[in-house]
C-alpha atoms as a PDB file:
ATOM      1  CA  MET A   1     119.503  17.972 170.036  1.00  0.00           C
ATOM      2  CA  LYS A   2     122.057  20.814 171.569  1.00  0.00           C
ATOM      3  CA  ILE A   3     125.157  19.170 169.595  1.00  0.00           C
ATOM      4  CA  ILE A   4     122.326  19.546 166.364  1.00  0.00           C
ATOM      5  CA  PHE A   5     121.593  22.742 167.067  1.00  0.00           C
ATOM      6  CA  HIS A   6     125.435  24.245 167.318  1.00  0.00           C
ATOM      7  CA  ILE A   7     126.424  22.434 164.359  1.00  0.00           C
ATOM      8  CA  LEU A   8     123.211  24.104 162.278  1.00  0.00           C
ATOM      9  CA  VAL A   9     124.424  27.347 163.881  1.00  0.00           C
ATOM     10  CA  LEU A  10     127.608  26.691 162.623  1.00  0.00           C
ATOM     11  CA  LEU A  11     126.729  25.962 158.596  1.00  0.00           C
ATOM     12  CA  SER A  12     124.668  29.205 158.792  1.00  0.00           C
ATOM     13  CA  LEU A  13     127.474  31.547 159.954  1.00  0.00           C
ATOM     14  CA  ALA A  14     129.342  30.115 157.302  1.00  0.00           C
ATOM     15  CA  SER A  15     127.405  30.146 154.567  1.00  0.00           C
ATOM     16  CA  CYS A  16     126.916  34.228 155.228  1.00  0.00           C
ATOM     17  CA  THR A  17     131.025  34.779 155.182  1.00  0.00           C
ATOM     18  CA  ALA A  18     131.458  33.102 151.833  1.00  0.00           C
ATOM     19  CA  ASN A  19     128.629  35.741 150.603  1.00  0.00           C
ATOM     20  CA  THR A  20     129.947  38.661 151.915  1.00  0.00           C
ATOM     21  CA  THR A  21     133.771  37.633 150.684  1.00  0.00           C
ATOM     22  CA  LYS A  22     131.987  36.794 147.187  1.00  0.00           C
ATOM     23  CA  ASP A  23     130.333  40.520 147.195  1.00  0.00           C
ATOM     24  CA  ILE A  24     133.847  42.248 149.118  1.00  0.00           C
ATOM     25  CA  ASN A  25     134.937  40.469 145.574  1.00  0.00           C
ATOM     26  CA  LYS A  26     132.568  41.498 142.913  1.00  0.00           C
ATOM     27  CA  THR A  27     133.422  45.371 144.323  1.00  0.00           C
ATOM     28  CA  THR A  28     136.826  44.488 143.487  1.00  0.00           C
ATOM     29  CA  MET A  29     136.753  43.472 139.736  1.00  0.00           C
ATOM     30  CA  LYS A  30     134.114  46.055 139.036  1.00  0.00           C
ATOM     31  CA  LYS A  31     136.843  48.512 140.614  1.00  0.00           C
ATOM     32  CA  LYS A  32     139.909  46.907 138.958  1.00  0.00           C
ATOM     33  CA  ASP A  33     137.470  47.106 135.243  1.00  0.00           C
ATOM     34  CA  ILE A  34     136.645  50.645 135.409  1.00  0.00           C
ATOM     35  CA  ALA A  35     140.711  51.181 135.811  1.00  0.00           C
ATOM     36  CA  THR A  36     141.709  48.885 133.075  1.00  0.00           C
ATOM     37  CA  VAL A  37     139.419  50.947 131.156  1.00  0.00           C
ATOM     38  CA  TYR A  38     140.902  54.124 132.243  1.00  0.00           C
ATOM     39  CA  LYS A  39     144.121  52.755 131.682  1.00  0.00           C
ATOM     40  CA  ALA A  40     142.840  51.011 127.782  1.00  0.00           C
ATOM     41  CA  ALA A  41     141.773  54.496 126.623  1.00  0.00           C
ATOM     42  CA  PRO A  42     143.788  56.621 124.229  1.00  0.00           C
ATOM     43  CA  PRO A  43     145.744  59.828 125.170  1.00  0.00           C
ATOM     44  CA  LYS A  44     143.725  63.297 124.556  1.00  0.00           C
ATOM     45  CA  ARG A  45     144.824  64.696 121.399  1.00  0.00           C
ATOM     46  CA  SER A  46     146.598  67.989 121.823  1.00  0.00           C
ATOM     47  CA  ILE A  47     145.586  70.941 119.163  1.00  0.00           C
ATOM     48  CA  PRO A  48     148.001  70.946 116.395  1.00  0.00           C
ATOM     49  CA  LYS A  49     149.377  75.076 116.531  1.00  0.00           C
ATOM     50  CA  TYR A  50     149.859  76.213 112.681  1.00  0.00           C
ATOM     51  CA  LYS A  51     152.672  78.473 111.831  1.00  0.00           C
ATOM     52  CA  VAL A  52     151.211  81.350 109.795  1.00  0.00           C
ATOM     53  CA  LYS A  53     152.843  84.571 108.701  1.00  0.00           C
ATOM     54  CA  LYS A  54     151.521  87.834 110.382  1.00  0.00           C
ATOM     55  CA  VAL A  55     148.173  88.792 109.512  1.00  0.00           C
ATOM     56  CA  SER A  56     146.793  92.430 108.834  1.00  0.00           C
ATOM     57  CA  TYR A  57     143.527  92.920 110.010  1.00  0.00           C
ATOM     58  CA  ASN A  58     143.676  96.334 108.389  1.00  0.00           C
ATOM     59  CA  ILE A  59     140.613  97.668 105.341  1.00  0.00           C
ATOM     60  CA  ASP A  60     142.479  99.355 102.671  1.00  0.00           C
ATOM     61  CA  ASP A  61     140.276 100.854 100.389  1.00  0.00           C
ATOM     62  CA  THR A  62     142.247 103.192  98.146  1.00  0.00           C
ATOM     63  CA  THR A  63     144.705 100.211  96.004  1.00  0.00           C
ATOM     64  CA  TYR A  64     142.279  98.671  94.285  1.00  0.00           C
ATOM     65  CA  MET A  65     139.190 100.281  93.708  1.00  0.00           C
ATOM     66  CA  ALA A  66     135.392  98.594  91.499  1.00  0.00           C
ATOM     67  CA  SER A  67     134.482 100.073  88.643  1.00  0.00           C
ATOM     68  CA  GLY A  68     130.916  98.143  87.947  1.00  0.00           C
ATOM     69  CA  PHE A  69     128.683 100.254  90.428  1.00  0.00           C
ATOM     70  CA  ASN A  70     125.644 103.013  90.853  1.00  0.00           C
ATOM     71  CA  GLU A  71     124.379 105.315  93.315  1.00  0.00           C
ATOM     72  CA  ARG A  72     121.362 104.288  95.293  1.00  0.00           C
ATOM     73  CA  VAL A  73     120.214 107.899  94.605  1.00  0.00           C
ATOM     74  CA  GLN A  74     118.427 107.738  91.299  1.00  0.00           C
ATOM     75  CA  PHE A  75     115.858 110.160  92.423  1.00  0.00           C
ATOM     76  CA  ILE A  76     114.375 113.268  93.874  1.00  0.00           C
ATOM     77  CA  VAL A  77     110.915 113.169  94.535  1.00  0.00           C
ATOM     78  CA  LEU A  78     109.134 116.490  96.004  1.00  0.00           C
ATOM     79  CA  HIS A  79     106.077 116.636  97.985  1.00  0.00           C
ATOM     80  CA  TYR A  80     103.452 119.084  99.955  1.00  0.00           C
ATOM     81  CA  THR A  81     102.912 118.206 102.927  1.00  0.00           C
ATOM     82  CA  ALA A  82      99.283 119.033 102.855  1.00  0.00           C
ATOM     83  CA  ALA A  83      99.725 120.292 106.305  1.00  0.00           C
ATOM     84  CA  GLY A  84     100.808 123.006 108.769  1.00  0.00           C
ATOM     85  CA  ARG A  85     104.504 123.307 110.263  1.00  0.00           C
ATOM     86  CA  ASP A  86     104.024 121.513 113.489  1.00  0.00           C
ATOM     87  CA  VAL A  87     101.429 118.689 111.765  1.00  0.00           C
ATOM     88  CA  SER A  88     104.096 118.743 109.628  1.00  0.00           C
ATOM     89  CA  ILE A  89     107.098 118.128 112.055  1.00  0.00           C
ATOM     90  CA  ARG A  90     105.411 115.761 114.282  1.00  0.00           C
ATOM     91  CA  ALA A  91     103.990 113.469 111.423  1.00  0.00           C
ATOM     92  CA  LEU A  92     107.643 113.662 109.597  1.00  0.00           C
ATOM     93  CA  THR A  93     109.541 112.382 112.559  1.00  0.00           C
ATOM     94  CA  GLY A  94     106.626 109.731 113.419  1.00  0.00           C
ATOM     95  CA  PRO A  95     106.909 106.664 112.769  1.00  0.00           C
ATOM     96  CA  ARG A  96     104.764 106.021 109.931  1.00  0.00           C
ATOM     97  CA  VAL A  97     106.160 108.607 107.248  1.00  0.00           C
ATOM     98  CA  SER A  98     109.405 110.482 106.182  1.00  0.00           C
ATOM     99  CA  SER A  99     111.441 112.332 104.522  1.00  0.00           C
ATOM    100  CA  HIS A 100     115.180 113.228 104.340  1.00  0.00           C
ATOM    101  CA  TYR A 101     114.338 117.397 104.229  1.00  0.00           C
ATOM    102  CA  LEU A 102     111.703 119.385 105.215  1.00  0.00           C
ATOM    103  CA  VAL A 103     111.459 123.055 104.099  1.00  0.00           C
ATOM    104  CA  THR A 104     109.179 125.203 105.800  1.00  0.00           C
ATOM    105  CA  ASP A 105     107.411 127.961 106.109  1.00  0.00           C
ATOM    106  CA  VAL A 106     109.085 129.918 108.260  1.00  0.00           C
ATOM    107  CA  PRO A 107     111.941 132.084 106.317  1.00  0.00           C
ATOM    108  CA  SER A 108     114.536 131.961 109.310  1.00  0.00           C
ATOM    109  CA  GLU A 109     114.456 128.348 110.060  1.00  0.00           C
ATOM    110  CA  PRO A 110     116.752 126.244 108.568  1.00  0.00           C
ATOM    111  CA  ILE A 111     116.171 123.406 105.850  1.00  0.00           C
ATOM    112  CA  TYR A 112     115.763 120.911 108.470  1.00  0.00           C
ATOM    113  CA  GLN A 113     117.706 117.009 107.451  1.00  0.00           C
ATOM    114  CA  LEU A 114     115.400 114.317 108.719  1.00  0.00           C
ATOM    115  CA  LEU A 115     117.802 111.755 107.371  1.00  0.00           C
ATOM    116  CA  PRO A 116     121.125 110.751 106.129  1.00  0.00           C
ATOM    117  CA  GLU A 117     120.781 110.912 102.298  1.00  0.00           C
ATOM    118  CA  ASN A 118     121.953 106.749 102.441  1.00  0.00           C
ATOM    119  CA  LYS A 119     118.993 106.519 104.498  1.00  0.00           C
ATOM    120  CA  ARG A 120     115.610 104.827 102.668  1.00  0.00           C
ATOM    121  CA  ALA A 121     113.186 107.140 104.010  1.00  0.00           C
ATOM    122  CA  TRP A 122     109.530 105.901 103.580  1.00  0.00           C
ATOM    123  CA  HIS A 123     107.980 108.905 101.443  1.00  0.00           C
ATOM    124  CA  ALA A 124     106.883 107.816  97.840  1.00  0.00           C
ATOM    125  CA  GLY A 125     104.905 104.899  98.937  1.00  0.00           C
ATOM    126  CA  VAL A 126     103.790 102.722  95.942  1.00  0.00           C
ATOM    127  CA  SER A 127     105.544 104.471  93.010  1.00  0.00           C
ATOM    128  CA  GLU A 128     107.010 104.000  89.510  1.00  0.00           C
ATOM    129  CA  PHE A 129     108.891 105.989  87.078  1.00  0.00           C
ATOM    130  CA  GLN A 130     111.430 105.247  84.156  1.00  0.00           C
ATOM    131  CA  GLU A 131     110.929 101.396  84.462  1.00  0.00           C
ATOM    132  CA  ARG A 132     111.424 101.552  88.539  1.00  0.00           C
ATOM    133  CA  SER A 133     109.165 100.775  90.942  1.00  0.00           C
ATOM    134  CA  ASN A 134     109.359 101.265  95.129  1.00  0.00           C
ATOM    135  CA  ILE A 135     111.043 104.300  94.125  1.00  0.00           C
ATOM    136  CA  ASN A 136     111.707 104.927  98.324  1.00  0.00           C
ATOM    137  CA  ASP A 137     114.174 102.660  97.696  1.00  0.00           C
ATOM    138  CA  THR A 138     116.515 104.698  95.038  1.00  0.00           C
ATOM    139  CA  SER A 139     115.210 108.454  96.164  1.00  0.00           C
ATOM    140  CA  ILE A 140     116.019 111.841  98.084  1.00  0.00           C
ATOM    141  CA  GLY A 141     112.431 113.255  99.379  1.00  0.00           C
ATOM    142  CA  ILE A 142     112.097 116.476  99.390  1.00  0.00           C
ATOM    143  CA  GLU A 143     108.967 117.751 102.108  1.00  0.00           C
ATOM    144  CA  VAL A 144     107.999 121.427 101.703  1.00  0.00           C
ATOM    145  CA  VAL A 145     105.210 122.829 104.332  1.00  0.00           C
ATOM    146  CA  ASN A 146     102.012 123.927 102.090  1.00  0.00           C
ATOM    147  CA  PRO A 147      98.432 122.494 103.058  1.00  0.00           C
ATOM    148  CA  GLY A 148      98.039 121.915  99.429  1.00  0.00           C
ATOM    149  CA  TYR A 149      94.497 122.559  97.895  1.00  0.00           C
ATOM    150  CA  ARG A 150      91.116 123.135  99.212  1.00  0.00           C
ATOM    151  CA  GLU A 151      87.357 122.001  97.564  1.00  0.00           C
ATOM    152  CA  SER A 152      85.519 125.288  95.970  1.00  0.00           C
ATOM    153  CA  GLY A 153      82.611 125.445  94.134  1.00  0.00           C
ATOM    154  CA  GLY A 154      83.359 122.132  92.764  1.00  0.00           C
ATOM    155  CA  LYS A 155      87.209 122.866  92.175  1.00  0.00           C
ATOM    156  CA  ARG A 156      90.107 122.108  94.111  1.00  0.00           C
ATOM    157  CA  ILE A 157      91.798 125.592  94.499  1.00  0.00           C
ATOM    158  CA  TYR A 158      95.837 125.066  95.003  1.00  0.00           C
ATOM    159  CA  THR A 159      97.525 126.996  97.854  1.00  0.00           C
ATOM    160  CA  HIS A 160     101.208 128.935  96.656  1.00  0.00           C
ATOM    161  CA  PHE A 161     104.305 127.990  98.194  1.00  0.00           C
ATOM    162  CA  LYS A 162     106.109 130.879  99.890  1.00  0.00           C
ATOM    163  CA  GLU A 163     109.395 132.840  98.029  1.00  0.00           C
ATOM    164  CA  SER A 164     111.451 131.870 101.444  1.00  0.00           C
ATOM    165  CA  GLU A 165     110.451 128.005 100.448  1.00  0.00           C
ATOM    166  CA  ILE A 166     110.690 128.344  96.450  1.00  0.00           C
ATOM    167  CA  LEU A 167     114.548 129.912  97.653  1.00  0.00           C
ATOM    168  CA  LYS A 168     115.701 127.172  99.433  1.00  0.00           C
ATOM    169  CA  VAL A 169     114.137 124.358  97.418  1.00  0.00           C
ATOM    170  CA  GLY A 170     116.486 125.384  94.692  1.00  0.00           C
ATOM    171  CA  GLU A 171     119.451 125.569  96.715  1.00  0.00           C
ATOM    172  CA  LEU A 172     118.513 122.523  98.181  1.00  0.00           C
ATOM    173  CA  LEU A 173     118.162 120.846  94.544  1.00  0.00           C
ATOM    174  CA  ARG A 174     120.654 122.769  92.997  1.00  0.00           C
ATOM    175  CA  ASN A 175     123.482 121.656  96.233  1.00  0.00           C
ATOM    176  CA  ILE A 176     122.213 117.362  95.734  1.00  0.00           C
ATOM    177  CA  THR A 177     122.351 117.316  92.419  1.00  0.00           C
ATOM    178  CA  SER A 178     125.918 118.774  92.203  1.00  0.00           C
ATOM    179  CA  ARG A 179     126.859 115.467  94.654  1.00  0.00           C
ATOM    180  CA  TYR A 180     125.124 112.989  92.151  1.00  0.00           C
ATOM    181  CA  ASP A 181     125.393 112.165  88.556  1.00  0.00           C
ATOM    182  CA  MET A 182     121.276 112.955  88.282  1.00  0.00           C
ATOM    183  CA  ASP A 183     119.582 113.103  85.388  1.00  0.00           C
ATOM    184  CA  PRO A 184     117.352 116.248  85.496  1.00  0.00           C
ATOM    185  CA  THR A 185     114.428 114.214  83.972  1.00  0.00           C
ATOM    186  CA  LYS A 186     114.816 112.136  87.439  1.00  0.00           C
ATOM    187  CA  ILE A 187     113.985 115.202  89.590  1.00  0.00           C
ATOM    188  CA  ILE A 188     109.732 114.642  89.914  1.00  0.00           C
ATOM    189  CA  GLY A 189     106.840 114.740  91.711  1.00  0.00           C
ATOM    190  CA  HIS A 190     104.666 112.703  93.892  1.00  0.00           C
ATOM    191  CA  SER A 191     102.262 113.015  91.241  1.00  0.00           C
ATOM    192  CA  ASP A 192     104.821 112.131  88.523  1.00  0.00           C
ATOM    193  CA  ILE A 193     105.284 108.834  90.337  1.00  0.00           C
ATOM    194  CA  ALA A 194     101.871 107.554  91.929  1.00  0.00           C
ATOM    195  CA  PRO A 195      99.832 109.541  89.723  1.00  0.00           C
ATOM    196  CA  ASP A 196      96.294 107.417  90.939  1.00  0.00           C
ATOM    197  CA  ARG A 197      96.509 108.524  93.913  1.00  0.00           C
ATOM    198  CA  LYS A 198      98.588 111.749  94.516  1.00  0.00           C
ATOM    199  CA  GLN A 199      98.245 115.611  94.031  1.00  0.00           C
ATOM    200  CA  ASP A 200     101.650 117.304  95.538  1.00  0.00           C
ATOM    201  CA  PRO A 201     103.679 119.294  94.716  1.00  0.00           C
ATOM    202  CA  GLY A 202     100.677 120.281  92.778  1.00  0.00           C
ATOM    203  CA  PRO A 203     100.263 122.990  89.561  1.00  0.00           C
ATOM    204  CA  LEU A 204     101.831 125.580  91.516  1.00  0.00           C
ATOM    205  CA  PHE A 205     105.504 123.977  92.109  1.00  0.00           C
ATOM    206  CA  PRO A 206     107.891 126.425  90.063  1.00  0.00           C
ATOM    207  CA  TRP A 207     109.475 123.287  87.869  1.00  0.00           C
ATOM    208  CA  LYS A 208     110.332 126.421  85.200  1.00  0.00           C
ATOM    209  CA  ARG A 209     111.698 129.204  87.674  1.00  0.00           C
ATOM    210  CA  LEU A 210     114.166 125.714  89.173  1.00  0.00           C
ATOM    211  CA  TYR A 211     114.957 124.928  86.293  1.00  0.00           C
ATOM    212  CA  TYR A 212     115.899 128.683  84.549  1.00  0.00           C
ATOM    213  CA  GLU A 213     117.032 130.204  88.081  1.00  0.00           C
ATOM    214  CA  TYR A 214     118.588 127.158  89.905  1.00  0.00           C
ATOM    215  CA  GLY A 215     119.539 124.781  86.578  1.00  0.00           C
ATOM    216  CA  VAL A 216     118.108 122.072  88.185  1.00  0.00           C
ATOM    217  CA  GLY A 217     114.935 119.903  86.607  1.00  0.00           C
ATOM    218  CA  ALA A 218     113.938 119.405  83.550  1.00  0.00           C
ATOM    219  CA  TRP A 219     112.144 121.295  81.040  1.00  0.00           C
ATOM    220  CA  TYR A 220     111.109 122.152  77.467  1.00  0.00           C
ATOM    221  CA  ASP A 221     112.506 124.028  74.381  1.00  0.00           C
ATOM    222  CA  GLU A 222     110.452 126.618  73.046  1.00  0.00           C
ATOM    223  CA  ASP A 223     111.986 125.881  70.000  1.00  0.00           C
ATOM    224  CA  ALA A 224     111.214 121.874  69.759  1.00  0.00           C
ATOM    225  CA  PHE A 225     107.652 122.930  71.071  1.00  0.00           C
ATOM    226  CA  ASN A 226     107.062 124.902  68.134  1.00  0.00           C
ATOM    227  CA  VAL A 227     108.282 122.309  65.386  1.00  0.00           C
ATOM    228  CA  TYR A 228     105.634 119.287  66.995  1.00  0.00           C
ATOM    229  CA  TYR A 229     102.997 121.738  67.750  1.00  0.00           C
ATOM    230  CA  ASP A 230     101.469 121.113  64.557  1.00  0.00           C
ATOM    231  CA  GLU A 231      97.809 119.849  63.987  1.00  0.00           C
ATOM    232  CA  SER A 232      98.367 117.788  61.282  1.00  0.00           C
ATOM    233  CA  TYR A 233     101.156 116.239  62.247  1.00  0.00           C
ATOM    234  CA  TYR A 234      99.407 115.213  65.788  1.00  0.00           C
ATOM    235  CA  ALA A 235      96.379 113.757  63.959  1.00  0.00           C
ATOM    236  CA  LEU A 236      98.626 111.053  62.428  1.00  0.00           C
ATOM    237  CA  ILE A 237      99.530 109.326  66.081  1.00  0.00           C
ATOM    238  CA  SER A 238      97.701 107.293  67.261  1.00  0.00           C
ATOM    239  CA  THR A 239      96.650 106.924  70.931  1.00  0.00           C
ATOM    240  CA  ALA A 240      98.560 103.892  71.551  1.00  0.00           C
ATOM    241  CA  ASP A 241     101.229 105.695  69.988  1.00  0.00           C
ATOM    242  CA  ILE A 242     100.952 108.903  72.058  1.00  0.00           C
ATOM    243  CA  GLN A 243     101.129 106.210  75.231  1.00  0.00           C
ATOM    244  CA  LYS A 244     104.196 104.775  74.115  1.00  0.00           C
ATOM    245  CA  LEU A 245     105.647 108.314  73.900  1.00  0.00           C
ATOM    246  CA  PHE A 246     104.494 109.070  77.736  1.00  0.00           C
ATOM    247  CA  LYS A 247     106.316 105.743  78.532  1.00  0.00           C
ATOM    248  CA  ARG A 248     109.490 106.278  76.821  1.00  0.00           C
ATOM    249  CA  TYR A 249     109.325 109.386  78.834  1.00  0.00           C
ATOM    250  CA  GLY A 250     109.365 107.620  82.050  1.00  0.00           C
ATOM    251  CA  TYR A 251     105.500 107.699  82.854  1.00  0.00           C
ATOM    252  CA  SER A 252     103.705 104.748  83.927  1.00  0.00           C
ATOM    253  CA  ILE A 253     100.953 104.828  81.542  1.00  0.00           C
ATOM    254  CA  ILE A 254      98.933 101.877  80.432  1.00  0.00           C
ATOM    255  CA  VAL A 255      99.378 101.315  76.509  1.00  0.00           C
ATOM    256  CA  ASN A 256      95.759 100.196  75.554  1.00  0.00           C
ATOM    257  CA  GLY A 257      94.327 102.910  72.883  1.00  0.00           C
ATOM    258  CA  GLU A 258      92.460 104.474  75.320  1.00  0.00           C
ATOM    259  CA  TRP A 259      92.332 107.204  77.665  1.00  0.00           C
ATOM    260  CA  ASP A 260      90.602 105.490  80.753  1.00  0.00           C
ATOM    261  CA  GLU A 261      90.261 106.888  83.652  1.00  0.00           C
ATOM    262  CA  TYR A 262      94.204 105.814  84.790  1.00  0.00           C
ATOM    263  CA  ASN A 263      95.186 107.013  81.674  1.00  0.00           C
ATOM    264  CA  LYS A 264      93.577 110.521  81.868  1.00  0.00           C
ATOM    265  CA  LYS A 265      95.068 110.712  85.791  1.00  0.00           C
ATOM    266  CA  VAL A 266      99.342 110.556  84.045  1.00  0.00           C
ATOM    267  CA  VAL A 267      97.801 112.756  81.302  1.00  0.00           C
ATOM    268  CA  GLY A 268      96.633 115.354  84.431  1.00  0.00           C
ATOM    269  CA  ALA A 269     100.312 114.643  86.117  1.00  0.00           C
ATOM    270  CA  PHE A 270     102.139 115.758  83.253  1.00  0.00           C
ATOM    271  CA  GLN A 271      99.957 118.702  83.230  1.00  0.00           C
ATOM    272  CA  LYS A 272     100.744 120.028  86.415  1.00  0.00           C
ATOM    273  CA  HIS A 273     104.442 119.404  85.868  1.00  0.00           C
ATOM    274  CA  PHE A 274     104.726 120.707  82.662  1.00  0.00           C
ATOM    275  CA  ARG A 275     101.900 122.851  81.433  1.00  0.00           C
ATOM    276  CA  PRO A 276      99.969 123.979  84.402  1.00  0.00           C
ATOM    277  CA  SER A 277      97.619 126.579  83.085  1.00  0.00           C
ATOM    278  CA  LEU A 278      95.547 123.643  81.923  1.00  0.00           C
ATOM    279  CA  TYR A 279      95.710 119.881  83.947  1.00  0.00           C
ATOM    280  CA  ASN A 280      92.397 118.232  83.049  1.00  0.00           C
ATOM    281  CA  GLY A 281      93.728 115.358  81.793  1.00  0.00           C
ATOM    282  CA  GLU A 282      92.408 115.744  78.689  1.00  0.00           C
ATOM    283  CA  MET A 283      94.887 114.792  75.447  1.00  0.00           C
ATOM    284  CA  ASP A 284      95.522 118.012  72.979  1.00  0.00           C
ATOM    285  CA  LEU A 285      98.370 118.797  70.528  1.00  0.00           C
ATOM    286  CA  GLU A 286     100.146 121.207  72.961  1.00  0.00           C
ATOM    287  CA  THR A 287     100.549 118.386  75.638  1.00  0.00           C
ATOM    288  CA  PHE A 288     102.043 116.486  72.941  1.00  0.00           C
ATOM    289  CA  ALA A 289     103.725 118.898  71.782  1.00  0.00           C
ATOM    290  CA  ILE A 290     105.696 119.029  75.607  1.00  0.00           C
ATOM    291  CA  LEU A 291     106.032 115.942  75.517  1.00  0.00           C
ATOM    292  CA  MET A 292     107.795 115.499  72.596  1.00  0.00           C
ATOM    293  CA  ALA A 293     110.089 118.814  72.696  1.00  0.00           C
ATOM    294  CA  LEU A 294     110.753 116.983  76.325  1.00  0.00           C
ATOM    295  CA  ILE A 295     111.872 113.482  74.464  1.00  0.00           C
ATOM    296  CA  LYS A 296     114.174 115.374  71.849  1.00  0.00           C
ATOM    297  CA  LYS A 297     115.584 117.323  74.613  1.00  0.00           C
ATOM    298  CA  TYR A 298     116.712 115.046  77.111  1.00  0.00           C
ATOM    299  CA  ASN A 299     117.243 112.079  74.038  1.00  0.00           C
ATOM    300  CA  LYS A 300     113.803 109.774  75.918  1.00  0.00           C
END
């Protein structure tokens, strides 16, 4: 029995030795296989070095010049702030509205430039003139400190601008227009571009004086006005044709043959600008003669 037991022990040891040898051989083979794979992998490709001439990164803005372009600034829009100096400054330097320039009612103060002219200020809102909308995109905004109007007896009583403000606005407009090739008809008020929403700069803004003293903005000639101040001629022009004339000059009027509420506001805005003695929104011969004289003068 002892002999048989010893024989079984020897067989068991032989089996374990054989399995261990097999495991060692497998591990050795795996290492050999990995080494073979790495040896078989293609060599890394080197990045070719291109031979180029010397490269210039300078910007040349003089040798060649494009001829197809226009100015961002197409309009100048005048406003009153409808508030006092301090409130106006806070509003125009806040996050909601802005303008390029602010003229205060303090004579000794400078004209404040709040934004560079190449920046887009938020002063016009929903607006249209001469078939351009979103006038913020193409305009310089000028705000003048003035409370606007107050209601009294069912009427709006507007506030006169200070003499120092008129002088400053005149010089500012002359300065800006000297730097841009701007059509005089594009110097306008907020009410001209948004007649259903806005009243500023109101009927007391001195458009005529700015034209004659500073040579800025549009105004009609008396001789042409007298030619068109003709009742018999006016009677021949239909309402729709008169509306087309307003549109031709630049106003965003609805050509529908009717003097509805909106179209009356357009007429009123025109009258505030060019016939401030009466701005009731009613179409009449005098308003017609002024409109025709402007169209004749500025080839509209």
